[in-house]
Structure formats: structure tokens, C-alpha cells
N, C-alpha and C. Protein backbone atom coordinates (compact mmCIF):
# COMPACT_ATOMS: atom_id res chain seq x y z
N MET A 1 13.47 153.18 -17.83
CA MET A 1 13.05 154.32 -17.02
C MET A 1 11.73 154.88 -17.55
N LYS A 2 10.82 155.17 -16.65
CA LYS A 2 9.52 155.72 -17.06
C LYS A 2 9.69 157.16 -17.53
N PRO A 3 8.84 157.63 -18.44
CA PRO A 3 8.99 158.98 -19.00
C PRO A 3 8.90 160.07 -17.94
N ILE A 4 9.75 161.10 -18.09
CA ILE A 4 9.68 162.24 -17.18
C ILE A 4 9.38 163.54 -17.93
N LEU A 5 9.58 163.55 -19.24
CA LEU A 5 9.32 164.75 -20.02
C LEU A 5 7.87 164.77 -20.51
N SER A 6 7.31 165.97 -20.59
CA SER A 6 5.98 166.15 -21.15
C SER A 6 6.11 166.90 -22.47
N GLN A 7 5.02 166.93 -23.22
CA GLN A 7 5.00 167.63 -24.50
C GLN A 7 3.79 168.56 -24.50
N VAL A 8 4.04 169.85 -24.69
CA VAL A 8 2.97 170.84 -24.58
C VAL A 8 2.46 171.19 -25.97
N SER A 9 1.27 170.70 -26.32
CA SER A 9 0.73 170.88 -27.67
C SER A 9 0.49 172.35 -27.99
N LYS A 10 0.01 173.13 -27.01
CA LYS A 10 -0.26 174.55 -27.26
C LYS A 10 1.03 175.31 -27.56
N LEU A 11 2.14 174.84 -27.02
CA LEU A 11 3.43 175.48 -27.26
C LEU A 11 4.17 174.77 -28.40
N ASP A 12 3.39 174.29 -29.36
CA ASP A 12 3.95 173.63 -30.53
C ASP A 12 4.82 172.44 -30.18
N ASN A 13 4.30 171.66 -29.21
CA ASN A 13 4.91 170.38 -28.81
C ASN A 13 6.31 170.50 -28.25
N VAL A 14 6.62 171.64 -27.67
CA VAL A 14 7.90 171.78 -27.00
C VAL A 14 7.91 170.84 -25.78
N LYS A 15 9.08 170.28 -25.48
CA LYS A 15 9.22 169.40 -24.33
C LYS A 15 9.25 170.25 -23.04
N SER A 16 8.75 169.65 -21.96
CA SER A 16 8.77 170.37 -20.68
C SER A 16 8.99 169.40 -19.54
N PHE A 17 9.41 169.96 -18.42
CA PHE A 17 9.51 169.21 -17.17
C PHE A 17 8.51 169.82 -16.22
N ASP A 18 7.57 168.99 -15.74
CA ASP A 18 6.47 169.49 -14.93
C ASP A 18 6.44 168.83 -13.56
N LEU A 19 5.77 169.53 -12.64
CA LEU A 19 5.64 169.06 -11.26
C LEU A 19 4.18 169.20 -10.82
N PRO A 20 3.80 168.59 -9.71
CA PRO A 20 2.42 168.71 -9.24
C PRO A 20 2.07 170.16 -8.87
N LEU A 21 0.79 170.49 -8.96
CA LEU A 21 0.33 171.83 -8.60
C LEU A 21 0.54 172.15 -7.12
N THR A 22 0.75 171.15 -6.31
CA THR A 22 0.99 171.38 -4.88
C THR A 22 2.25 172.23 -4.66
N THR A 23 3.12 172.28 -5.67
CA THR A 23 4.36 173.06 -5.54
C THR A 23 4.16 174.55 -5.77
N CYS A 24 2.98 174.95 -6.29
CA CYS A 24 2.81 176.37 -6.63
C CYS A 24 1.45 176.94 -6.23
N GLN A 25 0.53 176.14 -5.73
CA GLN A 25 -0.85 176.57 -5.57
C GLN A 25 -1.15 177.35 -4.29
N ASP A 26 -0.30 177.26 -3.29
CA ASP A 26 -0.66 177.75 -1.95
C ASP A 26 -1.12 179.20 -1.89
N ARG A 27 -0.42 180.09 -2.60
CA ARG A 27 -0.84 181.49 -2.56
C ARG A 27 -1.07 182.05 -3.96
N CYS A 28 -1.25 181.16 -4.91
CA CYS A 28 -1.47 181.59 -6.28
C CYS A 28 -2.95 181.93 -6.50
N GLU A 29 -3.23 183.16 -6.88
CA GLU A 29 -4.61 183.60 -7.06
C GLU A 29 -5.30 182.89 -8.22
N TYR A 30 -4.52 182.42 -9.19
CA TYR A 30 -5.12 181.66 -10.28
C TYR A 30 -5.77 180.39 -9.75
N PHE A 31 -5.06 179.71 -8.86
CA PHE A 31 -5.59 178.47 -8.28
C PHE A 31 -6.77 178.76 -7.35
N ILE A 32 -6.60 179.77 -6.51
CA ILE A 32 -7.64 180.10 -5.53
C ILE A 32 -8.94 180.53 -6.21
N LYS A 33 -8.81 181.31 -7.29
CA LYS A 33 -10.00 181.80 -8.00
C LYS A 33 -10.48 180.85 -9.10
N LYS A 34 -9.87 179.66 -9.14
CA LYS A 34 -10.29 178.59 -10.07
C LYS A 34 -10.15 178.99 -11.54
N ILE A 35 -9.07 179.73 -11.84
CA ILE A 35 -8.78 180.06 -13.23
C ILE A 35 -7.42 179.52 -13.66
N CYS A 36 -6.88 178.61 -12.85
CA CYS A 36 -5.61 177.97 -13.18
C CYS A 36 -5.81 177.06 -14.39
N TYR A 37 -5.02 177.29 -15.45
CA TYR A 37 -5.18 176.52 -16.68
C TYR A 37 -4.90 175.03 -16.44
N SER A 38 -3.91 174.75 -15.62
CA SER A 38 -3.59 173.35 -15.35
C SER A 38 -4.67 172.67 -14.53
N LYS A 39 -5.14 173.38 -13.52
CA LYS A 39 -6.20 172.81 -12.68
C LYS A 39 -7.46 172.53 -13.49
N ASN A 40 -7.76 173.37 -14.46
CA ASN A 40 -8.99 173.24 -15.24
C ASN A 40 -8.85 172.34 -16.46
N ASN A 41 -7.65 171.81 -16.68
CA ASN A 41 -7.42 170.95 -17.85
C ASN A 41 -7.65 169.49 -17.46
N PRO A 42 -8.72 168.87 -17.95
CA PRO A 42 -9.02 167.47 -17.56
C PRO A 42 -7.93 166.49 -17.95
N ARG A 43 -7.18 166.79 -19.02
CA ARG A 43 -6.11 165.88 -19.46
C ARG A 43 -5.02 165.75 -18.40
N LEU A 44 -4.83 166.81 -17.62
CA LEU A 44 -3.77 166.78 -16.60
C LEU A 44 -4.19 166.03 -15.35
N ARG A 45 -5.44 165.57 -15.34
CA ARG A 45 -5.91 164.77 -14.20
C ARG A 45 -5.88 163.27 -14.51
N TYR A 46 -5.41 162.91 -15.71
CA TYR A 46 -5.25 161.50 -16.04
C TYR A 46 -4.23 160.87 -15.10
N LYS A 47 -4.46 159.63 -14.76
CA LYS A 47 -3.60 158.94 -13.79
C LYS A 47 -2.14 158.95 -14.22
N LYS A 48 -1.88 158.70 -15.51
CA LYS A 48 -0.49 158.65 -15.99
C LYS A 48 0.21 159.99 -15.80
N LYS A 49 -0.52 161.08 -16.07
CA LYS A 49 0.07 162.41 -15.92
C LYS A 49 0.31 162.73 -14.45
N VAL A 50 -0.63 162.39 -13.60
CA VAL A 50 -0.49 162.63 -12.17
C VAL A 50 0.72 161.88 -11.62
N LEU A 51 0.85 160.62 -12.00
CA LEU A 51 1.96 159.80 -11.52
C LEU A 51 3.30 160.31 -12.05
N LYS A 52 3.31 160.78 -13.30
CA LYS A 52 4.54 161.34 -13.86
C LYS A 52 5.00 162.55 -13.05
N ASN A 53 4.09 163.45 -12.74
CA ASN A 53 4.44 164.64 -11.97
C ASN A 53 4.94 164.29 -10.57
N LEU A 54 4.36 163.26 -9.98
CA LEU A 54 4.81 162.82 -8.66
C LEU A 54 6.21 162.20 -8.75
N ARG A 55 6.48 161.45 -9.82
CA ARG A 55 7.83 160.91 -10.03
C ARG A 55 8.83 162.05 -10.22
N ASN A 56 8.41 163.07 -10.97
CA ASN A 56 9.28 164.21 -11.21
C ASN A 56 9.61 164.96 -9.92
N LEU A 57 8.62 165.04 -9.04
CA LEU A 57 8.84 165.71 -7.75
C LEU A 57 9.88 164.94 -6.94
N LYS A 58 9.77 163.64 -6.94
CA LYS A 58 10.74 162.81 -6.24
C LYS A 58 12.13 162.99 -6.85
N LEU A 59 12.17 163.10 -8.19
CA LEU A 59 13.44 163.25 -8.89
C LEU A 59 14.11 164.58 -8.57
N ILE A 60 13.35 165.68 -8.62
CA ILE A 60 13.96 166.99 -8.40
C ILE A 60 14.42 167.16 -6.95
N ARG A 61 13.85 166.37 -6.06
CA ARG A 61 14.27 166.40 -4.66
C ARG A 61 15.52 165.55 -4.42
N SER A 62 15.93 164.78 -5.43
CA SER A 62 17.05 163.87 -5.27
C SER A 62 18.35 164.45 -5.83
N SER A 63 19.44 163.78 -5.51
CA SER A 63 20.76 164.20 -6.00
C SER A 63 20.99 163.80 -7.46
N LYS A 64 20.09 162.99 -8.02
CA LYS A 64 20.24 162.50 -9.39
C LYS A 64 19.64 163.44 -10.44
N PHE A 65 18.92 164.46 -10.00
CA PHE A 65 18.12 165.27 -10.91
C PHE A 65 18.93 165.86 -12.07
N VAL A 66 20.00 166.55 -11.78
CA VAL A 66 20.76 167.25 -12.82
C VAL A 66 21.27 166.26 -13.88
N LYS A 67 21.84 165.17 -13.43
CA LYS A 67 22.38 164.18 -14.35
C LYS A 67 21.28 163.53 -15.19
N VAL A 68 20.20 163.12 -14.55
CA VAL A 68 19.12 162.41 -15.25
C VAL A 68 18.41 163.32 -16.24
N LEU A 69 18.04 164.52 -15.81
CA LEU A 69 17.27 165.40 -16.70
C LEU A 69 18.14 165.92 -17.85
N SER A 70 19.38 166.22 -17.58
CA SER A 70 20.29 166.67 -18.65
C SER A 70 20.39 165.61 -19.73
N PHE A 71 20.53 164.37 -19.32
CA PHE A 71 20.62 163.26 -20.27
C PHE A 71 19.34 163.16 -21.10
N GLU A 72 18.18 163.27 -20.45
CA GLU A 72 16.90 163.15 -21.15
C GLU A 72 16.70 164.28 -22.16
N ILE A 73 17.09 165.48 -21.80
CA ILE A 73 16.94 166.63 -22.70
C ILE A 73 17.87 166.49 -23.91
N LEU A 74 19.12 166.14 -23.65
CA LEU A 74 20.07 165.97 -24.76
C LEU A 74 19.65 164.82 -25.67
N LYS A 75 19.12 163.76 -25.08
CA LYS A 75 18.67 162.61 -25.87
C LYS A 75 17.48 162.97 -26.76
N SER A 76 16.66 163.93 -26.30
CA SER A 76 15.47 164.31 -27.06
C SER A 76 15.78 165.24 -28.24
N ASN A 77 17.03 165.72 -28.32
CA ASN A 77 17.45 166.64 -29.39
C ASN A 77 16.58 167.90 -29.43
N SER A 78 16.18 168.38 -28.27
CA SER A 78 15.34 169.57 -28.19
C SER A 78 16.15 170.83 -28.46
N ARG A 79 15.55 171.74 -29.22
CA ARG A 79 16.18 173.05 -29.42
C ARG A 79 15.68 174.05 -28.38
N LYS A 80 14.45 173.79 -27.89
CA LYS A 80 13.84 174.63 -26.87
C LYS A 80 13.26 173.72 -25.79
N PHE A 81 13.20 174.24 -24.57
CA PHE A 81 12.68 173.44 -23.46
C PHE A 81 12.01 174.35 -22.45
N ARG A 82 10.95 173.83 -21.82
CA ARG A 82 10.15 174.63 -20.90
C ARG A 82 10.16 174.06 -19.47
N PHE A 83 10.52 174.89 -18.52
CA PHE A 83 10.25 174.67 -17.10
C PHE A 83 9.28 175.80 -16.70
N PHE A 84 8.16 175.67 -16.27
CA PHE A 84 7.32 174.51 -16.05
C PHE A 84 5.99 174.86 -16.68
N SER A 85 5.35 173.92 -17.34
CA SER A 85 4.00 174.17 -17.81
C SER A 85 3.00 173.77 -16.72
N ASN A 86 3.52 173.19 -15.66
CA ASN A 86 2.71 172.75 -14.52
C ASN A 86 3.63 172.67 -13.31
N GLY A 87 3.26 173.34 -12.21
CA GLY A 87 4.09 173.29 -11.01
C GLY A 87 5.30 174.20 -11.11
N GLN A 88 6.20 174.11 -10.09
CA GLN A 88 7.42 174.90 -10.08
C GLN A 88 8.36 174.36 -9.01
N THR A 89 9.56 174.92 -8.95
CA THR A 89 10.52 174.52 -7.92
C THR A 89 9.99 174.88 -6.54
N GLU A 90 10.33 174.05 -5.55
CA GLU A 90 9.86 174.27 -4.19
C GLU A 90 10.77 175.20 -3.39
N ASN A 91 12.03 175.32 -3.81
CA ASN A 91 12.99 176.09 -3.04
C ASN A 91 14.18 176.49 -3.91
N ILE A 92 15.07 177.27 -3.34
CA ILE A 92 16.23 177.78 -4.07
C ILE A 92 17.16 176.65 -4.50
N ILE A 93 17.24 175.60 -3.70
CA ILE A 93 18.11 174.47 -4.05
C ILE A 93 17.65 173.84 -5.36
N GLN A 94 16.35 173.64 -5.50
CA GLN A 94 15.82 173.05 -6.73
C GLN A 94 15.96 174.01 -7.91
N LEU A 95 15.79 175.31 -7.67
CA LEU A 95 15.94 176.29 -8.74
C LEU A 95 17.37 176.29 -9.28
N VAL A 96 18.34 176.19 -8.41
CA VAL A 96 19.74 176.12 -8.85
C VAL A 96 19.99 174.84 -9.63
N LYS A 97 19.38 173.75 -9.21
CA LYS A 97 19.50 172.49 -9.96
C LYS A 97 19.00 172.67 -11.40
N VAL A 98 17.86 173.33 -11.55
CA VAL A 98 17.29 173.59 -12.87
C VAL A 98 18.27 174.40 -13.72
N LEU A 99 18.87 175.41 -13.13
CA LEU A 99 19.82 176.25 -13.86
C LEU A 99 21.10 175.49 -14.20
N GLU A 100 21.47 174.53 -13.35
CA GLU A 100 22.63 173.69 -13.65
C GLU A 100 22.36 172.81 -14.87
N VAL A 101 21.12 172.35 -15.00
CA VAL A 101 20.74 171.58 -16.20
C VAL A 101 20.90 172.46 -17.44
N CYS A 102 20.49 173.72 -17.33
CA CYS A 102 20.62 174.65 -18.46
C CYS A 102 22.09 174.84 -18.86
N LYS A 103 22.96 174.89 -17.87
CA LYS A 103 24.39 175.05 -18.16
C LYS A 103 24.94 173.87 -18.95
N ILE A 104 24.51 172.68 -18.57
CA ILE A 104 24.99 171.47 -19.25
C ILE A 104 24.45 171.40 -20.68
N CYS A 105 23.17 171.72 -20.83
CA CYS A 105 22.53 171.67 -22.16
C CYS A 105 22.67 173.04 -22.83
N LYS A 106 23.88 173.44 -23.12
CA LYS A 106 24.18 174.81 -23.52
C LYS A 106 23.65 175.19 -24.90
N ASN A 107 23.30 174.20 -25.72
CA ASN A 107 22.76 174.50 -27.05
C ASN A 107 21.24 174.52 -27.10
N VAL A 108 20.62 174.42 -25.94
CA VAL A 108 19.16 174.43 -25.82
C VAL A 108 18.71 175.75 -25.21
N LYS A 109 17.63 176.33 -25.74
CA LYS A 109 17.04 177.53 -25.15
C LYS A 109 16.01 177.12 -24.10
N PHE A 110 16.08 177.73 -22.92
CA PHE A 110 15.17 177.38 -21.84
C PHE A 110 14.30 178.55 -21.42
N ALA A 111 13.03 178.26 -21.21
CA ALA A 111 12.11 179.22 -20.59
C ALA A 111 11.74 178.66 -19.23
N ILE A 112 11.97 179.45 -18.18
CA ILE A 112 11.71 179.00 -16.81
C ILE A 112 10.78 180.01 -16.14
N MET A 113 9.58 179.57 -15.77
CA MET A 113 8.61 180.46 -15.15
C MET A 113 8.21 179.95 -13.77
N ILE A 114 8.43 180.78 -12.75
CA ILE A 114 7.99 180.46 -11.40
C ILE A 114 7.35 181.70 -10.80
N ASN A 115 6.47 181.51 -9.80
CA ASN A 115 5.78 182.65 -9.22
C ASN A 115 6.30 183.03 -7.83
N SER A 116 7.45 182.47 -7.45
CA SER A 116 7.99 182.69 -6.11
C SER A 116 9.05 183.79 -6.09
N GLU A 117 8.66 184.98 -5.62
CA GLU A 117 9.66 186.05 -5.51
C GLU A 117 10.67 185.75 -4.41
N ILE A 118 10.30 184.87 -3.48
CA ILE A 118 11.24 184.47 -2.42
C ILE A 118 12.42 183.72 -3.02
N GLN A 119 12.13 182.75 -3.89
CA GLN A 119 13.22 182.00 -4.54
C GLN A 119 14.06 182.92 -5.43
N ILE A 120 13.40 183.82 -6.13
CA ILE A 120 14.12 184.76 -7.00
C ILE A 120 15.04 185.65 -6.16
N SER A 121 14.53 186.15 -5.04
CA SER A 121 15.34 187.00 -4.16
C SER A 121 16.53 186.24 -3.59
N GLN A 122 16.30 185.00 -3.19
CA GLN A 122 17.39 184.18 -2.66
C GLN A 122 18.44 183.90 -3.73
N LEU A 123 18.00 183.70 -4.96
CA LEU A 123 18.95 183.47 -6.05
C LEU A 123 19.81 184.70 -6.27
N ILE A 124 19.20 185.87 -6.26
CA ILE A 124 19.94 187.12 -6.43
C ILE A 124 20.94 187.31 -5.29
N GLN A 125 20.51 187.05 -4.07
CA GLN A 125 21.39 187.21 -2.91
C GLN A 125 22.56 186.23 -2.94
N SER A 126 22.34 185.08 -3.56
CA SER A 126 23.42 184.08 -3.64
C SER A 126 24.46 184.43 -4.69
N ARG A 127 24.13 185.42 -5.55
CA ARG A 127 25.01 185.86 -6.63
C ARG A 127 25.27 184.76 -7.67
N TYR A 128 24.31 183.88 -7.80
CA TYR A 128 24.41 182.82 -8.80
C TYR A 128 24.29 183.44 -10.19
N LYS A 129 25.15 183.04 -11.08
CA LYS A 129 25.15 183.58 -12.43
C LYS A 129 24.24 182.74 -13.32
N ILE A 130 23.17 183.35 -13.82
CA ILE A 130 22.20 182.64 -14.64
C ILE A 130 22.79 182.40 -16.04
N PRO A 131 22.72 181.18 -16.54
CA PRO A 131 23.26 180.89 -17.88
C PRO A 131 22.56 181.72 -18.95
N LYS A 132 23.28 182.07 -19.99
CA LYS A 132 22.73 182.91 -21.05
C LYS A 132 21.60 182.24 -21.82
N ASN A 133 21.57 180.92 -21.83
CA ASN A 133 20.53 180.20 -22.57
C ASN A 133 19.27 179.95 -21.72
N ALA A 134 19.25 180.51 -20.51
CA ALA A 134 18.10 180.33 -19.61
C ALA A 134 17.36 181.65 -19.42
N ASN A 135 16.12 181.70 -19.81
CA ASN A 135 15.30 182.90 -19.62
C ASN A 135 14.43 182.68 -18.37
N LEU A 136 14.90 183.18 -17.25
CA LEU A 136 14.21 183.01 -15.97
C LEU A 136 13.20 184.15 -15.81
N LEU A 137 11.94 183.79 -15.60
CA LEU A 137 10.86 184.77 -15.54
C LEU A 137 10.05 184.61 -14.26
N LEU A 138 9.84 185.72 -13.57
CA LEU A 138 8.98 185.73 -12.39
C LEU A 138 7.55 185.97 -12.82
N SER A 139 6.68 184.99 -12.58
CA SER A 139 5.28 185.10 -12.98
C SER A 139 4.48 185.80 -11.88
N ASN A 140 3.68 186.76 -12.28
CA ASN A 140 2.80 187.44 -11.33
C ASN A 140 1.67 186.49 -10.95
N TYR A 141 1.54 186.19 -9.66
CA TYR A 141 0.52 185.23 -9.22
C TYR A 141 -0.86 185.86 -9.06
N GLU A 142 -1.00 187.15 -9.41
CA GLU A 142 -2.29 187.82 -9.35
C GLU A 142 -2.82 188.05 -10.77
N PRO A 143 -3.98 187.49 -11.10
CA PRO A 143 -4.52 187.65 -12.45
C PRO A 143 -4.87 189.11 -12.77
N ASN A 144 -4.64 189.47 -14.03
CA ASN A 144 -5.02 190.80 -14.53
C ASN A 144 -4.36 191.93 -13.75
N LYS A 145 -3.11 191.69 -13.33
CA LYS A 145 -2.35 192.72 -12.59
C LYS A 145 -0.97 192.86 -13.20
N LYS A 146 -0.49 194.09 -13.26
CA LYS A 146 0.87 194.33 -13.74
C LYS A 146 1.87 194.00 -12.64
N THR A 147 3.04 193.58 -13.04
CA THR A 147 4.11 193.33 -12.07
C THR A 147 4.49 194.66 -11.42
N PRO A 148 4.57 194.71 -10.08
CA PRO A 148 4.90 195.97 -9.39
C PRO A 148 6.24 196.55 -9.85
N GLU A 149 6.28 197.86 -9.96
CA GLU A 149 7.49 198.54 -10.45
C GLU A 149 8.71 198.26 -9.57
N PHE A 150 8.50 198.19 -8.26
CA PHE A 150 9.65 197.96 -7.36
C PHE A 150 10.26 196.58 -7.61
N MET A 151 9.41 195.60 -7.96
CA MET A 151 9.91 194.25 -8.23
C MET A 151 10.68 194.22 -9.55
N ILE A 152 10.16 194.93 -10.55
CA ILE A 152 10.85 195.02 -11.84
C ILE A 152 12.24 195.63 -11.65
N ASN A 153 12.30 196.71 -10.91
CA ASN A 153 13.58 197.39 -10.67
C ASN A 153 14.55 196.50 -9.89
N PHE A 154 14.01 195.62 -9.07
CA PHE A 154 14.85 194.74 -8.25
C PHE A 154 15.47 193.61 -9.07
N ILE A 155 14.68 193.02 -9.97
CA ILE A 155 15.15 191.81 -10.67
C ILE A 155 15.84 192.09 -12.01
N GLU A 156 15.48 193.19 -12.67
CA GLU A 156 16.02 193.46 -14.01
C GLU A 156 17.55 193.48 -14.10
N PRO A 157 18.25 194.07 -13.14
CA PRO A 157 19.73 194.10 -13.25
C PRO A 157 20.38 192.72 -13.22
N TYR A 158 19.62 191.71 -12.82
CA TYR A 158 20.18 190.37 -12.68
C TYR A 158 19.73 189.42 -13.80
N ASN A 159 19.32 189.98 -14.92
CA ASN A 159 18.94 189.19 -16.09
C ASN A 159 17.73 188.30 -15.81
N ILE A 160 16.80 188.78 -14.99
CA ILE A 160 15.57 188.06 -14.67
C ILE A 160 14.40 188.88 -15.18
N GLY A 161 13.50 188.22 -15.88
CA GLY A 161 12.35 188.92 -16.44
C GLY A 161 11.08 188.66 -15.65
N TYR A 162 9.95 189.02 -16.22
CA TYR A 162 8.69 188.89 -15.51
C TYR A 162 7.54 188.72 -16.50
N THR A 163 6.48 188.09 -16.03
CA THR A 163 5.27 187.93 -16.85
C THR A 163 4.06 188.35 -16.03
N GLN A 164 3.02 188.72 -16.74
CA GLN A 164 1.76 189.08 -16.10
C GLN A 164 0.63 188.74 -17.08
N THR A 165 -0.60 188.89 -16.63
CA THR A 165 -1.75 188.62 -17.49
C THR A 165 -2.65 189.83 -17.56
N THR A 166 -3.50 189.85 -18.58
CA THR A 166 -4.40 190.98 -18.78
C THR A 166 -5.70 190.51 -19.43
N LEU A 167 -6.75 191.28 -19.23
CA LEU A 167 -8.01 191.05 -19.93
C LEU A 167 -8.11 191.94 -21.17
N ASN A 168 -7.14 192.84 -21.32
CA ASN A 168 -7.12 193.79 -22.42
C ASN A 168 -6.26 193.24 -23.57
N LYS A 169 -6.89 192.87 -24.65
CA LYS A 169 -6.19 192.26 -25.77
C LYS A 169 -5.08 193.16 -26.31
N LYS A 170 -5.28 194.47 -26.26
CA LYS A 170 -4.29 195.41 -26.80
C LYS A 170 -3.00 195.41 -25.97
N LEU A 171 -3.09 194.98 -24.72
CA LEU A 171 -1.91 194.98 -23.85
C LEU A 171 -1.13 193.67 -23.91
N ALA A 172 -1.74 192.63 -24.48
CA ALA A 172 -1.10 191.32 -24.53
C ALA A 172 0.02 191.30 -25.56
N THR A 173 1.18 190.80 -25.15
CA THR A 173 2.32 190.69 -26.07
C THR A 173 2.50 189.26 -26.56
N CYS A 174 1.79 188.31 -25.95
CA CYS A 174 1.78 186.93 -26.42
C CYS A 174 0.60 186.77 -27.37
N GLN A 175 0.88 186.68 -28.65
CA GLN A 175 -0.19 186.61 -29.65
C GLN A 175 -0.97 185.30 -29.57
N ALA A 176 -0.31 184.23 -29.19
CA ALA A 176 -0.99 182.93 -29.12
C ALA A 176 -2.11 182.94 -28.09
N SER A 177 -1.97 183.77 -27.06
CA SER A 177 -2.98 183.82 -26.00
C SER A 177 -4.19 184.67 -26.38
N THR A 178 -4.10 185.39 -27.49
CA THR A 178 -5.17 186.31 -27.87
C THR A 178 -6.20 185.69 -28.82
N VAL A 179 -5.92 184.49 -29.30
CA VAL A 179 -6.84 183.84 -30.24
C VAL A 179 -7.22 182.46 -29.72
N LYS A 180 -8.40 182.01 -30.09
CA LYS A 180 -8.87 180.71 -29.65
C LYS A 180 -7.98 179.60 -30.24
N ASN A 181 -7.58 178.67 -29.37
CA ASN A 181 -6.70 177.57 -29.77
C ASN A 181 -5.40 178.08 -30.38
N GLY A 182 -4.90 179.20 -29.87
CA GLY A 182 -3.68 179.80 -30.40
C GLY A 182 -2.44 178.95 -30.14
N HIS A 183 -1.45 179.09 -31.03
CA HIS A 183 -0.18 178.38 -30.89
C HIS A 183 0.96 179.36 -31.12
N CYS A 184 2.16 178.93 -30.73
CA CYS A 184 3.34 179.79 -30.88
C CYS A 184 3.68 180.05 -32.35
N TYR A 185 3.32 179.09 -33.21
CA TYR A 185 3.61 179.24 -34.64
C TYR A 185 2.37 179.81 -35.33
N GLN A 186 2.47 181.07 -35.78
CA GLN A 186 1.35 181.73 -36.43
C GLN A 186 1.82 182.54 -37.63
N LYS A 187 1.05 182.44 -38.70
CA LYS A 187 1.32 183.21 -39.92
C LYS A 187 2.74 183.02 -40.42
N GLY A 188 3.21 181.78 -40.35
CA GLY A 188 4.53 181.46 -40.88
C GLY A 188 5.69 181.90 -40.01
N VAL A 189 5.41 182.36 -38.79
CA VAL A 189 6.47 182.85 -37.90
C VAL A 189 6.39 182.11 -36.56
N MET A 190 7.53 181.66 -36.06
CA MET A 190 7.59 181.01 -34.77
C MET A 190 7.96 182.03 -33.69
N CYS A 191 7.05 182.25 -32.75
CA CYS A 191 7.32 183.18 -31.66
C CYS A 191 8.19 182.50 -30.61
N GLU A 192 9.23 183.19 -30.17
CA GLU A 192 10.11 182.65 -29.14
C GLU A 192 10.30 183.64 -28.00
N LYS A 193 9.27 184.44 -27.74
CA LYS A 193 9.37 185.45 -26.69
C LYS A 193 9.66 184.85 -25.32
N CYS A 194 9.07 183.69 -25.04
CA CYS A 194 9.27 183.06 -23.73
C CYS A 194 10.73 182.69 -23.49
N TYR A 195 11.50 182.57 -24.56
CA TYR A 195 12.91 182.17 -24.45
C TYR A 195 13.86 183.37 -24.54
N ASN A 196 13.30 184.53 -24.87
CA ASN A 196 14.16 185.70 -25.09
C ASN A 196 13.72 186.96 -24.35
N ASP A 197 12.44 187.25 -24.36
CA ASP A 197 11.94 188.52 -23.81
C ASP A 197 11.92 188.51 -22.28
N LYS A 198 12.06 189.70 -21.70
CA LYS A 198 12.06 189.85 -20.24
C LYS A 198 10.76 190.45 -19.72
N ASP A 199 9.85 190.79 -20.61
CA ASP A 199 8.56 191.38 -20.21
C ASP A 199 7.49 190.80 -21.13
N ILE A 200 6.70 189.89 -20.59
CA ILE A 200 5.68 189.22 -21.40
C ILE A 200 4.32 189.35 -20.72
N THR A 201 3.31 189.73 -21.51
CA THR A 201 1.95 189.84 -20.99
C THR A 201 1.05 188.88 -21.76
N PHE A 202 0.43 187.97 -21.03
CA PHE A 202 -0.46 186.98 -21.62
C PHE A 202 -1.91 187.44 -21.48
N MET A 203 -2.67 187.22 -22.53
CA MET A 203 -4.11 187.46 -22.48
C MET A 203 -4.76 186.33 -21.68
N ILE A 204 -5.60 186.68 -20.72
CA ILE A 204 -6.31 185.65 -19.96
C ILE A 204 -7.33 184.98 -20.88
N HIS A 205 -7.20 183.67 -21.01
CA HIS A 205 -8.09 182.93 -21.89
C HIS A 205 -8.59 181.69 -21.15
N GLY A 206 -9.37 180.91 -21.81
CA GLY A 206 -9.96 179.75 -21.16
C GLY A 206 -11.42 180.01 -20.83
N ARG A 207 -12.23 179.00 -20.96
CA ARG A 207 -13.67 179.12 -20.77
C ARG A 207 -14.01 179.61 -19.36
N PHE A 208 -14.82 180.64 -19.29
CA PHE A 208 -15.35 181.22 -18.04
C PHE A 208 -14.32 181.99 -17.20
N ASN A 209 -13.03 182.01 -17.62
CA ASN A 209 -12.02 182.65 -16.79
C ASN A 209 -12.23 184.16 -16.65
N LYS A 210 -12.62 184.82 -17.74
CA LYS A 210 -12.86 186.25 -17.67
C LYS A 210 -13.98 186.56 -16.68
N GLN A 211 -15.08 185.78 -16.75
CA GLN A 211 -16.21 186.00 -15.83
C GLN A 211 -15.79 185.77 -14.38
N ARG A 212 -14.95 184.76 -14.15
CA ARG A 212 -14.51 184.47 -12.78
C ARG A 212 -13.68 185.61 -12.21
N ILE A 213 -12.81 186.19 -13.05
CA ILE A 213 -11.98 187.31 -12.59
C ILE A 213 -12.83 188.53 -12.27
N LEU A 214 -13.74 188.86 -13.17
CA LEU A 214 -14.59 190.03 -12.96
C LEU A 214 -15.49 189.84 -11.75
N LYS A 215 -15.90 188.62 -11.50
CA LYS A 215 -16.78 188.32 -10.37
C LYS A 215 -16.02 188.37 -9.04
N ASN A 216 -14.80 187.81 -9.04
CA ASN A 216 -14.04 187.69 -7.79
C ASN A 216 -13.11 188.87 -7.52
N GLY A 217 -12.95 189.73 -8.53
CA GLY A 217 -12.10 190.92 -8.35
C GLY A 217 -10.62 190.63 -8.53
């Protein structure tokens, strides 16, 4: 079987399951304003990476996804796992599949970030119980904007968190995003906020991204 897991060097080589940007780009301001980290990363345009993401999309759309991915994660002996460093679930059916994988891999901590409040709302309405080892986070698709208070009040009672970005270093709670070439492991301490915290603010980084935001509003 061809590889389906990726390894994210910036996140201290944690394993991840990724999908094509076509699954998240349609109304994402990061993509539209050309400050999407994945879109701007030349390594993610390599043929092998592109084909892997396309295979993963086919897999998550299939009935084999939960069984296959659970096996791959358990085989990798991962203590932590990331959904998604690239792309996201296309619908509530796929999101539930992801959470089912988390249930099976009960000794693994999961960080799950998607920018679709529609899928989050549908999950809440379905009364699906999110596994304790899964930190589901709604990502704000607008750069340099706080998550609206009404949305926070809506999702918090259901063990769902949120993330946003900022240009203000003092407001960033992710320390790795505040320094050049930052990593989760700093000063002898491993940060695991993505797997535990319900409110995370990332500093907008990357070459020219600050100028693009200030220019485009």
C-alpha cells in the first residue's frame, strides 16, 4: 500500500492525514488573499505529495477509511496525530469518520482543525459525542480576526474549540508561530496546546504574509 500519512516537520514531525486544498479553499480568505501556508509551500506541490493527497481524498470518501487509517496510525506508534495540516473534511459524514478513527485509537491524542462552521453545526445537531482524546477546533477562515462571540458561545458547550490568527505578537498563544522557524518543542518544553486547549491564537507568519493582509484588508 502506498503511504497515506504525512510528517509535519514544523510540528516536530508529528504524523498527519492531509487532503487537497480543493476541500477547504472555496471561501477561505487565506487562500483568496494568497497567504495560505500550504498554497505557498513549494514542497507541497511536489508530484508525490499531490498524488498522496488525491489518494487520501479517494480513501476518505470510501467505506474503508476508518479501518485503513486506524490501522496505519496504530502501526506508526504515534502518541499524537494531526488532522489536517492540509485540506479538511468535505462533509459531516467524513468528519464523523475522522472521529470514529479517534475512538478506535484511544491512546492517541488528536488535533482536528477545520474551517467549516456548517459541518460543526451539523455535528452538534446530530448529538454525536466527541471522543475525549479528540480536540476538535473550528478555524477562523478570516486572517487577523477573532472568532465571533456568538460562535464561541454556540460551540463551547459541546467540547469544541476554536482558533484564530493575529498580527499582534502579544495576543498569540502559539509560541512556535511567533519566532522564525519555530517548532512545538522550545526551551526544553513540548507544547501540546493543539491537543488540549480550546482557544488558540496563531501569529501570522510566512514571507510577505503581513504585507498582503495589510494591503488587502
